[in-house]
Amino acid sequence: MAQHQIALFTFTLGNTESIGPAALRDMWMRACGTNNVSVGRRAPAESFRDRPVYTLYAPQGLADIRDVELRLRRMFESAHLHASLTALHA
């Protein structure tokens, strides 16, 4: 049975950038080292300058979250995506 998932990160992309759900989920799975992940996308909000907000979910007990964050940031950089990433974990 899959572990309960929690939101770990949110991010926005540059004004002209986007990423599809399958590509984002693949990137997130590779960063986490598990396929028990999901992704979400919220419509643009005024506070984010009309850019969608993406949310990344993973199991609550995910190990080495700091390392996961570093891998994710490197993947965004390698994909030439200018992500403004916010960690929701302590």
N, C-alpha and C. Protein backbone atom coordinates (compact mmCIF):
# COMPACT_ATOMS: atom_id res chain seq x y z
N MET A 1 0.84 -1.19 0.00
CA MET A 1 0.00 0.00 0.00
C MET A 1 0.88 1.25 0.00
N ALA A 2 0.52 2.26 -0.76
CA ALA A 2 1.29 3.49 -0.85
C ALA A 2 1.19 4.27 0.45
N GLN A 3 2.31 4.91 0.80
CA GLN A 3 2.33 5.76 1.98
C GLN A 3 1.56 7.04 1.71
N HIS A 4 1.04 7.63 2.79
CA HIS A 4 0.35 8.91 2.69
C HIS A 4 1.31 9.97 2.14
N GLN A 5 0.85 10.76 1.19
CA GLN A 5 1.70 11.81 0.61
C GLN A 5 1.38 13.17 1.22
N ILE A 6 2.44 13.98 1.32
CA ILE A 6 2.29 15.35 1.79
C ILE A 6 2.96 16.28 0.79
N ALA A 7 2.56 17.54 0.80
CA ALA A 7 3.19 18.55 -0.05
C ALA A 7 4.56 18.88 0.52
N LEU A 8 5.61 18.78 -0.30
CA LEU A 8 6.96 19.09 0.16
C LEU A 8 7.52 20.36 -0.45
N PHE A 9 7.11 20.68 -1.67
CA PHE A 9 7.62 21.87 -2.35
C PHE A 9 6.53 22.51 -3.19
N THR A 10 6.62 23.81 -3.36
CA THR A 10 5.86 24.52 -4.37
C THR A 10 6.85 25.30 -5.21
N PHE A 11 6.46 25.62 -6.43
CA PHE A 11 7.34 26.44 -7.26
C PHE A 11 6.54 27.12 -8.36
N THR A 12 7.12 28.17 -8.88
CA THR A 12 6.63 28.82 -10.08
C THR A 12 7.77 28.83 -11.09
N LEU A 13 7.43 28.97 -12.33
CA LEU A 13 8.42 29.05 -13.40
C LEU A 13 8.45 30.45 -13.97
N GLY A 14 9.45 30.72 -14.79
CA GLY A 14 9.55 32.00 -15.47
C GLY A 14 8.32 32.28 -16.31
N ASN A 15 8.13 33.54 -16.66
CA ASN A 15 6.93 33.99 -17.37
C ASN A 15 6.60 33.20 -18.63
N THR A 16 7.60 32.78 -19.37
CA THR A 16 7.36 32.09 -20.64
C THR A 16 7.63 30.60 -20.56
N GLU A 17 7.83 30.07 -19.35
CA GLU A 17 8.17 28.66 -19.19
C GLU A 17 6.98 27.85 -18.69
N SER A 18 6.99 26.57 -19.04
CA SER A 18 5.99 25.64 -18.52
C SER A 18 6.57 24.24 -18.57
N ILE A 19 5.90 23.33 -17.87
CA ILE A 19 6.30 21.93 -17.89
C ILE A 19 5.03 21.09 -17.80
N GLY A 20 4.97 20.05 -18.58
CA GLY A 20 3.80 19.19 -18.58
C GLY A 20 3.78 18.29 -17.36
N PRO A 21 2.61 17.76 -17.02
CA PRO A 21 2.50 16.93 -15.82
C PRO A 21 3.33 15.65 -15.87
N ALA A 22 3.41 15.01 -17.02
CA ALA A 22 4.20 13.77 -17.12
C ALA A 22 5.69 14.06 -16.95
N ALA A 23 6.18 15.10 -17.60
CA ALA A 23 7.60 15.46 -17.48
C ALA A 23 7.94 15.88 -16.05
N LEU A 24 7.05 16.64 -15.43
CA LEU A 24 7.28 17.07 -14.06
C LEU A 24 7.28 15.88 -13.10
N ARG A 25 6.32 14.98 -13.27
CA ARG A 25 6.25 13.80 -12.40
C ARG A 25 7.51 12.95 -12.56
N ASP A 26 7.98 12.78 -13.79
CA ASP A 26 9.19 12.01 -14.04
C ASP A 26 10.39 12.66 -13.34
N MET A 27 10.52 13.95 -13.45
CA MET A 27 11.61 14.68 -12.81
C MET A 27 11.53 14.52 -11.28
N TRP A 28 10.34 14.64 -10.74
CA TRP A 28 10.12 14.55 -9.32
C TRP A 28 10.41 13.12 -8.82
N MET A 29 10.01 12.10 -9.57
CA MET A 29 10.32 10.71 -9.20
C MET A 29 11.82 10.49 -9.15
N ARG A 30 12.54 11.00 -10.14
CA ARG A 30 13.99 10.85 -10.16
C ARG A 30 14.65 11.58 -9.00
N ALA A 31 14.16 12.76 -8.66
CA ALA A 31 14.72 13.51 -7.54
C ALA A 31 14.48 12.79 -6.21
N CYS A 32 13.31 12.18 -6.06
CA CYS A 32 12.93 11.50 -4.82
C CYS A 32 13.46 10.08 -4.72
N GLY A 33 13.68 9.45 -5.87
CA GLY A 33 14.10 8.05 -5.86
C GLY A 33 12.96 7.09 -5.56
N THR A 34 11.73 7.52 -5.81
CA THR A 34 10.56 6.67 -5.61
C THR A 34 9.50 7.04 -6.64
N ASN A 35 8.62 6.09 -6.95
CA ASN A 35 7.52 6.40 -7.87
C ASN A 35 6.25 6.76 -7.10
N ASN A 36 6.31 6.77 -5.77
CA ASN A 36 5.16 7.14 -4.94
C ASN A 36 5.15 8.67 -4.76
N VAL A 37 4.92 9.37 -5.86
CA VAL A 37 4.88 10.84 -5.86
C VAL A 37 3.68 11.30 -6.68
N SER A 38 3.33 12.55 -6.50
CA SER A 38 2.32 13.16 -7.36
C SER A 38 2.64 14.64 -7.48
N VAL A 39 2.03 15.26 -8.47
CA VAL A 39 2.25 16.68 -8.73
C VAL A 39 0.91 17.37 -8.92
N GLY A 40 0.88 18.65 -8.67
CA GLY A 40 -0.34 19.42 -8.86
C GLY A 40 -0.02 20.77 -9.47
N ARG A 41 -1.03 21.38 -10.04
CA ARG A 41 -0.87 22.70 -10.66
C ARG A 41 -2.11 23.52 -10.35
N ARG A 42 -1.90 24.69 -9.77
CA ARG A 42 -2.99 25.63 -9.47
C ARG A 42 -2.97 26.75 -10.49
N ALA A 43 -4.14 27.21 -10.82
CA ALA A 43 -4.26 28.32 -11.77
C ALA A 43 -3.50 29.54 -11.24
N PRO A 44 -3.09 30.41 -12.14
CA PRO A 44 -2.36 31.61 -11.72
C PRO A 44 -3.13 32.42 -10.68
N ALA A 45 -2.37 32.96 -9.76
CA ALA A 45 -2.94 33.85 -8.74
C ALA A 45 -2.27 35.21 -8.87
N GLU A 46 -2.98 36.23 -8.52
CA GLU A 46 -2.46 37.59 -8.67
C GLU A 46 -1.12 37.76 -7.94
N SER A 47 -0.97 37.12 -6.80
CA SER A 47 0.26 37.29 -6.03
C SER A 47 1.48 36.65 -6.69
N PHE A 48 1.28 35.79 -7.67
CA PHE A 48 2.40 35.16 -8.36
C PHE A 48 2.54 35.68 -9.79
N ARG A 49 2.08 36.89 -10.02
CA ARG A 49 2.24 37.55 -11.33
C ARG A 49 1.69 36.70 -12.47
N ASP A 50 0.52 36.14 -12.26
CA ASP A 50 -0.18 35.37 -13.30
C ASP A 50 0.57 34.13 -13.76
N ARG A 51 1.33 33.52 -12.85
CA ARG A 51 2.02 32.26 -13.17
C ARG A 51 1.40 31.14 -12.35
N PRO A 52 1.25 29.96 -12.93
CA PRO A 52 0.71 28.84 -12.17
C PRO A 52 1.66 28.45 -11.03
N VAL A 53 1.09 27.87 -10.00
CA VAL A 53 1.87 27.36 -8.87
C VAL A 53 1.80 25.84 -8.93
N TYR A 54 2.96 25.21 -8.95
CA TYR A 54 3.07 23.77 -8.99
C TYR A 54 3.36 23.27 -7.57
N THR A 55 2.79 22.13 -7.20
CA THR A 55 3.04 21.53 -5.90
C THR A 55 3.52 20.10 -6.10
N LEU A 56 4.54 19.73 -5.32
CA LEU A 56 5.15 18.40 -5.42
C LEU A 56 4.87 17.63 -4.13
N TYR A 57 4.31 16.44 -4.27
CA TYR A 57 3.92 15.59 -3.14
C TYR A 57 4.75 14.32 -3.12
N ALA A 58 5.06 13.85 -1.92
CA ALA A 58 5.81 12.60 -1.74
C ALA A 58 5.42 11.99 -0.40
N PRO A 59 5.87 10.75 -0.14
CA PRO A 59 5.54 10.12 1.13
C PRO A 59 6.05 10.94 2.32
N GLN A 60 5.30 10.91 3.38
CA GLN A 60 5.64 11.67 4.58
C GLN A 60 7.01 11.27 5.13
N GLY A 61 7.38 10.02 5.04
CA GLY A 61 8.64 9.56 5.60
C GLY A 61 9.81 9.61 4.62
N LEU A 62 9.73 10.40 3.58
CA LEU A 62 10.79 10.47 2.58
C LEU A 62 12.11 10.88 3.24
N ALA A 63 13.15 10.09 3.00
CA ALA A 63 14.46 10.35 3.61
C ALA A 63 15.25 11.38 2.81
N ASP A 64 16.15 12.03 3.50
CA ASP A 64 17.11 12.95 2.88
C ASP A 64 16.45 14.04 2.03
N ILE A 65 15.50 14.72 2.62
CA ILE A 65 14.75 15.74 1.87
C ILE A 65 15.67 16.84 1.36
N ARG A 66 16.68 17.20 2.11
CA ARG A 66 17.63 18.23 1.65
C ARG A 66 18.34 17.78 0.37
N ASP A 67 18.73 16.49 0.32
CA ASP A 67 19.37 15.96 -0.89
C ASP A 67 18.38 15.93 -2.05
N VAL A 68 17.14 15.57 -1.76
CA VAL A 68 16.09 15.57 -2.79
C VAL A 68 15.95 16.98 -3.36
N GLU A 69 15.95 17.97 -2.50
CA GLU A 69 15.83 19.37 -2.94
C GLU A 69 17.00 19.76 -3.83
N LEU A 70 18.20 19.39 -3.45
CA LEU A 70 19.38 19.71 -4.27
C LEU A 70 19.30 19.05 -5.63
N ARG A 71 18.89 17.77 -5.67
CA ARG A 71 18.75 17.08 -6.96
C ARG A 71 17.69 17.77 -7.82
N LEU A 72 16.58 18.13 -7.21
CA LEU A 72 15.51 18.80 -7.95
C LEU A 72 15.98 20.13 -8.52
N ARG A 73 16.67 20.91 -7.72
CA ARG A 73 17.20 22.20 -8.21
C ARG A 73 18.16 21.99 -9.39
N ARG A 74 19.00 20.98 -9.30
CA ARG A 74 19.93 20.68 -10.40
C ARG A 74 19.17 20.26 -11.66
N MET A 75 18.11 19.49 -11.47
CA MET A 75 17.31 19.05 -12.62
C MET A 75 16.62 20.23 -13.30
N PHE A 76 16.09 21.16 -12.51
CA PHE A 76 15.49 22.36 -13.09
C PHE A 76 16.55 23.12 -13.90
N GLU A 77 17.73 23.25 -13.31
CA GLU A 77 18.81 23.97 -14.00
C GLU A 77 19.20 23.26 -15.30
N SER A 78 19.34 21.95 -15.26
CA SER A 78 19.70 21.17 -16.46
C SER A 78 18.63 21.28 -17.54
N ALA A 79 17.37 21.42 -17.13
CA ALA A 79 16.26 21.55 -18.08
C ALA A 79 16.06 22.99 -18.51
N HIS A 80 16.93 23.89 -18.05
CA HIS A 80 16.84 25.32 -18.37
C HIS A 80 15.51 25.92 -17.94
N LEU A 81 15.03 25.49 -16.77
CA LEU A 81 13.81 26.04 -16.18
C LEU A 81 14.20 26.91 -14.99
N HIS A 82 13.72 28.11 -15.00
CA HIS A 82 14.02 29.07 -13.92
C HIS A 82 12.92 28.98 -12.87
N ALA A 83 13.10 28.03 -11.95
CA ALA A 83 12.09 27.76 -10.94
C ALA A 83 12.36 28.54 -9.67
N SER A 84 11.29 29.10 -9.13
CA SER A 84 11.35 29.72 -7.81
C SER A 84 10.74 28.70 -6.85
N LEU A 85 11.63 27.89 -6.25
CA LEU A 85 11.25 26.73 -5.43
C LEU A 85 11.14 27.12 -3.97
N THR A 86 10.04 26.70 -3.34
CA THR A 86 9.83 26.93 -1.91
C THR A 86 9.67 25.59 -1.21
N ALA A 87 10.52 25.34 -0.21
CA ALA A 87 10.42 24.11 0.57
C ALA A 87 9.34 24.28 1.62
N LEU A 88 8.50 23.27 1.77
CA LEU A 88 7.42 23.32 2.76
C LEU A 88 7.78 22.48 3.99
N HIS A 89 8.96 21.87 3.98
CA HIS A 89 9.40 21.05 5.10
C HIS A 89 10.27 21.89 6.03
N ALA A 90 10.42 21.42 7.25
CA ALA A 90 11.25 22.14 8.24
C ALA A 90 12.70 21.75 8.14
